[in-house]
Amino acid sequence: MINIEKTSAPRAVIGKHLTSLIEKNNKIIVIDNDLGTSTSAYDVTKTFPKNYWELGIGEQSSLSAATGLALEGMYPVYVNFAIFATGTIWTQIRQAAYAKANLKIIATHPGLDAGPDGASHQATQDMALMRCVPNMNVLLPLDENDVKSAITYALNNKGLYYVRVSREPVPIIYNSPEEANFDITNKEIAKTGDDVALFFDGSSFEQAIAAANLLEKNNITYRLIHVRSLKPLDSKNIIENAKQVKCVVSLENHSVIGGLGSAIAEVLAEHKDVAPLKIVGCQDTFTESGKSTELKAKYGVSGENVLSRVKEVIK
């Protein structure tokens, strides 16, 4: 059984970590739209107020400004809720990608994490929107140290990056960013056998652990695999696992349409002799206001749903 010893909300480290990076590179400019306290980006102002641009509720113009900064050799980092950092600025993101801008987007409150704010703020389509944009990289870090490492990775690599950061507490498995050592390959977190390969995004780690424990209680073995990068996707690892297990499951804090499950399905569709895939996530519907944990359980982002789908394959 996997035991959770400590959790933390990864979004809480964004501002402090960006501050530490600005100490090494003063060309980093953090851009916010009145949500700096919620994303923690505002922490930058305590040390580097001139490197923090508060542009009010003007998401489209802010992303355009960020693109301009990037083209002038600066290192802009746009931080916002996932719902605003994708759909609201869709046209501007496409233009930034077209220009191959060296721009980083850090998106908090993904999927159902913005529970109390209701369906209008729940970004259950953000991965689908971002992964279809040419020249876009989509990173799905896990705990607070993986998030720090992923942000550093994005800033150390030229190009357009979307870094998806959980609002809700996530189990901590890395003791430092150095231990996390973020890269774009899938990482096996735990393994008990070869019945199920369970692939999950970072913001659904708690539900992935619950699923693993339920599988074990039902005498079903598993491989628990964190997909650190949605785009580019570690297709080789997915194929290898799909050829060695009886069932492949994707678990995501996102709609079942267009996200992690869809990406895995696209890979498996090109290969023979692979296990059947079950996609677990938020159903194709608008949700409601409520505690995010309760909404995830109600709308399908849960360990129970994983077990139910697995039993459709493994009787």
Protein backbone atom coordinates (compact mmCIF):
# COMPACT_ATOMS: atom_id res chain seq x y z
CA MET A 1 0.00 0.00 0.00
CA ILE A 2 1.16 3.54 -0.73
CA ASN A 3 0.97 5.83 2.30
CA ILE A 4 0.77 9.63 2.09
CA GLU A 5 3.01 11.14 4.74
CA LYS A 6 3.04 14.81 3.76
CA THR A 7 1.24 17.06 1.29
CA SER A 8 1.49 20.67 0.14
CA ALA A 9 -0.08 22.93 -2.47
CA PRO A 10 2.50 23.26 -5.27
CA ARG A 11 1.21 26.68 -6.38
CA ALA A 12 2.49 28.12 -3.08
CA VAL A 13 6.13 27.81 -4.19
CA ILE A 14 5.84 29.60 -7.55
CA GLY A 15 6.65 33.13 -6.39
CA LYS A 16 9.53 32.19 -4.13
CA HIS A 17 11.08 29.95 -6.74
CA LEU A 18 10.81 32.61 -9.43
CA THR A 19 12.51 34.99 -7.01
CA SER A 20 15.43 32.60 -6.67
CA LEU A 21 15.68 32.37 -10.46
CA ILE A 22 15.59 36.16 -10.89
CA GLU A 23 18.59 36.37 -8.55
CA LYS A 24 20.51 34.51 -11.28
CA ASN A 25 18.82 36.10 -14.29
CA ASN A 26 17.48 39.65 -13.94
CA LYS A 27 15.90 39.45 -17.40
CA ILE A 28 13.07 37.33 -16.02
CA ILE A 29 9.84 39.36 -15.92
CA VAL A 30 6.81 37.94 -14.12
CA ILE A 31 3.45 39.09 -15.50
CA ASP A 32 0.24 38.88 -13.48
CA ASN A 33 -3.45 39.75 -13.88
CA ASP A 34 -4.70 40.56 -10.37
CA LEU A 35 -4.28 37.00 -9.10
CA GLY A 36 -0.74 37.15 -7.75
CA THR A 37 -1.71 36.31 -4.18
CA SER A 38 -3.73 33.28 -5.30
CA THR A 39 -0.96 31.94 -7.52
CA SER A 40 1.79 33.10 -5.10
CA ALA A 41 3.51 34.98 -7.94
CA TYR A 42 3.16 38.18 -5.89
CA ASP A 43 5.95 36.93 -3.63
CA VAL A 44 8.37 38.17 -6.30
CA THR A 45 7.58 41.77 -5.32
CA LYS A 46 9.16 41.31 -1.88
CA THR A 47 12.61 41.15 -3.44
CA PHE A 48 12.31 42.23 -7.09
CA PRO A 49 9.34 44.61 -7.49
CA LYS A 50 10.60 45.87 -10.85
CA ASN A 51 10.57 42.34 -12.23
CA TYR A 52 6.88 41.94 -11.43
CA TRP A 53 4.41 43.48 -13.84
CA GLU A 54 0.85 43.75 -12.58
CA LEU A 55 -1.21 44.45 -15.70
CA GLY A 56 -4.69 44.24 -14.21
CA ILE A 57 -7.56 42.29 -15.71
CA GLY A 58 -6.21 42.40 -19.25
CA GLU A 59 -5.16 38.88 -20.12
CA GLN A 60 -4.97 39.28 -23.90
CA SER A 61 -2.83 42.42 -23.82
CA SER A 62 -0.67 40.86 -21.10
CA LEU A 63 0.20 37.84 -23.24
CA SER A 64 0.90 40.17 -26.17
CA ALA A 65 3.24 42.18 -23.93
CA ALA A 66 4.93 38.97 -22.81
CA THR A 67 5.48 37.95 -26.42
CA GLY A 68 7.00 41.36 -27.17
CA LEU A 69 9.34 41.03 -24.21
CA ALA A 70 10.41 37.59 -25.40
CA LEU A 71 11.18 38.87 -28.89
CA GLU A 72 13.34 41.61 -27.33
CA GLY A 73 15.46 39.08 -25.46
CA MET A 74 13.78 39.14 -22.06
CA TYR A 75 12.47 36.06 -20.22
CA PRO A 76 8.75 36.66 -19.60
CA VAL A 77 6.82 34.32 -17.31
CA TYR A 78 3.04 34.71 -17.43
CA VAL A 79 1.30 33.34 -14.32
CA ASN A 80 -2.47 32.94 -14.07
CA PHE A 81 -5.29 30.50 -13.38
CA ALA A 82 -5.40 27.79 -16.05
CA ILE A 83 -8.82 28.90 -17.30
CA PHE A 84 -7.46 32.39 -18.09
CA ALA A 85 -4.02 31.20 -19.20
CA THR A 86 -5.52 29.12 -22.02
CA GLY A 87 -9.00 29.91 -23.31
CA THR A 88 -9.02 33.64 -22.52
CA ILE A 89 -5.75 34.24 -24.37
CA TRP A 90 -6.08 31.57 -27.05
CA THR A 91 -5.46 33.87 -30.03
CA GLN A 92 -2.46 35.51 -28.37
CA ILE A 93 -0.95 32.12 -27.50
CA ARG A 94 -1.25 31.01 -31.12
CA GLN A 95 0.49 34.20 -32.23
CA ALA A 96 3.28 33.65 -29.68
CA ALA A 97 3.69 30.07 -30.91
CA TYR A 98 3.70 31.25 -34.53
CA ALA A 99 6.50 33.66 -33.65
CA LYS A 100 8.35 30.88 -31.77
CA ALA A 101 8.53 33.17 -28.74
CA ASN A 102 10.66 32.15 -25.77
CA LEU A 103 7.74 32.53 -23.38
CA LYS A 104 6.72 30.56 -20.29
CA ILE A 105 3.16 30.20 -19.00
CA ILE A 106 2.59 28.89 -15.48
CA ALA A 107 -1.02 27.86 -14.97
CA THR A 108 -2.48 27.17 -11.53
CA HIS A 109 -5.95 25.89 -10.52
CA PRO A 110 -6.12 23.33 -13.36
CA GLY A 111 -9.03 20.97 -13.96
CA LEU A 112 -11.41 20.82 -11.00
CA ASP A 113 -8.94 22.41 -8.59
CA ALA A 114 -10.86 25.71 -8.72
CA GLY A 115 -13.84 23.89 -7.19
CA PRO A 116 -15.60 26.63 -5.18
CA ASP A 117 -15.34 29.09 -8.11
CA GLY A 118 -17.64 26.93 -10.21
CA ALA A 119 -17.69 25.76 -13.80
CA SER A 120 -16.71 29.18 -15.19
CA HIS A 121 -13.29 28.88 -13.52
CA GLN A 122 -12.68 25.13 -13.84
CA ALA A 123 -10.13 24.52 -16.60
CA THR A 124 -11.15 21.02 -17.66
CA GLN A 125 -10.11 21.65 -21.26
CA ASP A 126 -6.72 23.35 -20.81
CA MET A 127 -4.51 20.39 -21.77
CA ALA A 128 -6.56 19.83 -24.92
CA LEU A 129 -6.19 23.48 -25.90
CA MET A 130 -2.47 23.65 -25.27
CA ARG A 131 -1.28 20.39 -26.73
CA CYS A 132 -2.77 21.14 -30.15
CA VAL A 133 -0.77 24.37 -30.54
CA PRO A 134 2.34 23.95 -32.74
CA ASN A 135 5.65 24.80 -30.98
CA MET A 136 4.01 24.39 -27.55
CA ASN A 137 5.50 22.26 -24.77
CA VAL A 138 3.15 21.07 -22.00
CA LEU A 139 4.64 20.05 -18.64
CA LEU A 140 2.70 18.26 -15.87
CA PRO A 141 4.83 18.38 -12.70
CA LEU A 142 3.77 16.65 -9.52
CA ASP A 143 4.72 17.93 -6.05
CA GLU A 144 6.22 21.26 -4.98
CA ASN A 145 9.81 20.22 -5.69
CA ASP A 146 8.89 18.75 -9.06
CA VAL A 147 7.16 22.07 -9.84
CA LYS A 148 10.29 24.05 -8.93
CA SER A 149 12.39 21.75 -11.09
CA ALA A 150 9.91 21.96 -13.99
CA ILE A 151 9.89 25.78 -13.91
CA THR A 152 13.67 25.81 -13.96
CA TYR A 153 13.63 23.29 -16.81
CA ALA A 154 11.26 25.48 -18.83
CA LEU A 155 13.35 28.61 -18.32
CA ASN A 156 16.54 26.76 -19.22
CA ASN A 157 15.08 25.61 -22.52
CA LYS A 158 14.19 27.96 -25.34
CA GLY A 159 10.61 27.95 -26.56
CA LEU A 160 6.99 28.21 -25.49
CA TYR A 161 6.15 26.22 -22.34
CA TYR A 162 2.90 25.64 -20.48
CA VAL A 163 3.56 24.44 -16.91
CA ARG A 164 0.46 23.04 -15.19
CA VAL A 165 0.57 23.48 -11.40
CA SER A 166 -1.92 22.06 -8.90
CA ARG A 167 -3.83 24.33 -6.55
CA GLU A 168 -4.79 21.48 -4.24
CA PRO A 169 -2.38 19.73 -1.84
CA VAL A 170 -0.32 17.05 -3.56
CA PRO A 171 1.62 14.26 -1.80
CA ILE A 172 5.31 15.13 -1.54
CA ILE A 173 7.67 12.45 -2.84
CA TYR A 174 10.77 14.52 -3.65
CA ASN A 175 12.89 16.11 -0.94
CA SER A 176 14.34 18.80 -3.20
CA PRO A 177 14.20 20.13 -6.78
CA GLU A 178 17.53 18.43 -7.38
CA GLU A 179 16.06 15.08 -6.41
CA ALA A 180 13.06 15.70 -8.67
CA ASN A 181 15.45 16.48 -11.54
CA PHE A 182 12.61 17.20 -13.94
CA ASP A 183 12.79 15.92 -17.49
CA ILE A 184 10.23 15.02 -20.15
CA THR A 185 10.29 11.25 -19.74
CA ASN A 186 7.61 9.30 -17.88
CA LYS A 187 8.55 8.22 -14.37
CA GLU A 188 7.43 5.04 -12.66
CA ILE A 189 6.46 5.91 -9.09
CA ALA A 190 5.56 2.41 -7.87
CA LYS A 191 5.15 -1.11 -9.23
CA THR A 192 3.55 -4.29 -7.86
CA GLY A 193 3.13 -6.26 -11.09
CA ASP A 194 1.90 -6.38 -14.66
CA ASP A 195 -1.90 -6.24 -14.59
CA VAL A 196 -2.41 -2.49 -15.06
CA ALA A 197 -0.33 0.44 -16.27
CA LEU A 198 -1.84 3.56 -14.69
CA PHE A 199 -0.65 6.80 -16.30
CA PHE A 200 -1.56 10.03 -14.50
CA ASP A 201 -0.96 13.79 -14.68
CA GLY A 202 0.72 15.56 -11.75
CA SER A 203 -2.40 17.24 -10.42
CA SER A 204 -4.20 13.89 -10.04
CA PHE A 205 -1.48 12.22 -7.95
CA GLU A 206 -3.64 11.90 -4.83
CA GLN A 207 -6.35 10.13 -6.83
CA ALA A 208 -3.72 7.97 -8.53
CA ILE A 209 -2.46 6.79 -5.13
CA ALA A 210 -6.03 6.03 -4.06
CA ALA A 211 -6.49 4.02 -7.26
CA ALA A 212 -3.29 2.07 -6.69
CA ASN A 213 -4.35 1.17 -3.17
CA LEU A 214 -7.80 0.06 -4.35
CA LEU A 215 -6.25 -2.10 -7.04
CA GLU A 216 -4.00 -3.73 -4.48
CA LYS A 217 -6.96 -4.41 -2.16
CA ASN A 218 -8.63 -6.17 -5.09
CA ASN A 219 -5.53 -8.27 -5.83
CA ILE A 220 -4.82 -6.40 -9.05
CA THR A 221 -1.18 -5.48 -9.62
CA TYR A 222 -0.13 -2.22 -11.19
CA ARG A 223 2.52 0.12 -12.49
CA LEU A 224 1.96 3.70 -11.34
CA ILE A 225 3.46 6.05 -13.93
CA HIS A 226 3.68 9.84 -13.79
CA VAL A 227 3.44 11.52 -17.19
CA ARG A 228 5.67 14.52 -16.65
CA SER A 229 5.29 15.90 -20.16
CA LEU A 230 2.12 15.82 -22.22
CA LYS A 231 3.89 17.39 -25.17
CA PRO A 232 6.30 16.07 -26.18
CA LEU A 233 4.88 12.76 -24.95
CA ASP A 234 7.08 9.84 -23.92
CA SER A 235 5.50 7.54 -26.49
CA LYS A 236 8.22 4.90 -26.19
CA ASN A 237 7.49 4.35 -22.49
CA ILE A 238 3.74 4.15 -23.15
CA ILE A 239 4.14 1.55 -25.88
CA GLU A 240 6.56 -0.53 -23.81
CA ASN A 241 4.16 -0.67 -20.89
CA ALA A 242 1.09 -1.25 -23.06
CA LYS A 243 2.73 -4.35 -24.54
CA GLN A 244 3.50 -5.81 -21.11
CA VAL A 245 0.25 -5.34 -19.17
CA LYS A 246 -3.38 -6.45 -19.45
CA CYS A 247 -4.94 -2.97 -19.18
CA VAL A 248 -3.80 0.61 -19.68
CA VAL A 249 -5.54 3.37 -17.74
CA SER A 250 -5.11 7.13 -17.97
CA LEU A 251 -6.16 9.30 -15.03
CA GLU A 252 -6.38 13.06 -15.43
CA ASN A 253 -7.76 16.11 -13.67
CA HIS A 254 -9.23 17.19 -16.99
CA SER A 255 -11.95 16.29 -19.45
CA VAL A 256 -11.81 12.78 -20.90
CA ILE A 257 -11.77 14.51 -24.28
CA GLY A 258 -8.53 15.89 -25.73
CA GLY A 259 -6.19 15.50 -22.76
CA LEU A 260 -3.84 12.82 -21.47
CA GLY A 261 -6.10 9.89 -22.33
CA SER A 262 -6.60 11.14 -25.86
CA ALA A 263 -2.85 11.61 -26.31
CA ILE A 264 -2.19 8.05 -25.13
CA ALA A 265 -4.96 6.72 -27.39
CA GLU A 266 -3.33 8.41 -30.38
CA VAL A 267 -0.08 6.61 -29.60
CA LEU A 268 -1.61 3.19 -29.02
CA ALA A 269 -3.76 3.41 -32.16
CA GLU A 270 -0.57 3.12 -34.23
CA HIS A 271 0.52 -0.16 -32.66
CA LYS A 272 -0.59 -3.79 -32.51
CA ASP A 273 -0.54 -6.13 -29.53
CA VAL A 274 -1.16 -3.44 -26.94
CA ALA A 275 -3.50 -3.64 -23.96
CA PRO A 276 -6.92 -1.95 -24.11
CA LEU A 277 -7.07 1.63 -22.84
CA LYS A 278 -9.56 3.04 -20.34
CA ILE A 279 -9.69 6.84 -20.04
CA VAL A 280 -10.59 8.19 -16.59
CA GLY A 281 -11.24 11.86 -16.00
CA CYS A 282 -13.95 14.49 -15.83
CA GLN A 283 -16.92 13.57 -17.98
CA ASP A 284 -17.91 15.70 -20.98
CA THR A 285 -20.02 18.15 -19.03
CA PHE A 286 -19.88 21.42 -17.16
CA THR A 287 -19.62 20.82 -13.45
CA GLU A 288 -20.63 22.96 -10.47
CA SER A 289 -19.33 24.81 -7.45
CA GLY A 290 -18.09 22.74 -4.53
CA LYS A 291 -15.06 21.28 -2.78
CA SER A 292 -12.65 20.06 -5.42
CA THR A 293 -12.23 16.66 -3.76
CA GLU A 294 -15.99 16.12 -3.82
CA LEU A 295 -16.28 17.33 -7.41
CA LYS A 296 -13.52 14.99 -8.54
CA ALA A 297 -15.31 12.06 -6.93
CA LYS A 298 -18.66 13.06 -8.43
CA TYR A 299 -17.43 13.72 -11.97
CA GLY A 300 -15.08 10.77 -12.35
CA VAL A 301 -11.58 11.85 -11.32
CA SER A 302 -11.23 9.20 -8.63
CA GLY A 303 -9.60 5.97 -7.57
CA GLU A 304 -13.00 4.29 -7.50
CA ASN A 305 -13.58 5.14 -11.14
CA VAL A 306 -10.18 3.72 -12.06
CA LEU A 307 -11.00 0.44 -10.32
CA SER A 308 -14.40 0.27 -12.02
CA ARG A 309 -12.88 0.77 -15.47
CA VAL A 310 -10.12 -1.76 -14.81
CA LYS A 311 -12.70 -4.38 -13.84
CA GLU A 312 -14.25 -3.98 -17.29
CA VAL A 313 -11.06 -5.57 -18.62
CA ILE A 314 -9.77 -7.71 -15.74
CA LYS A 315 -12.69 -9.76 -14.46
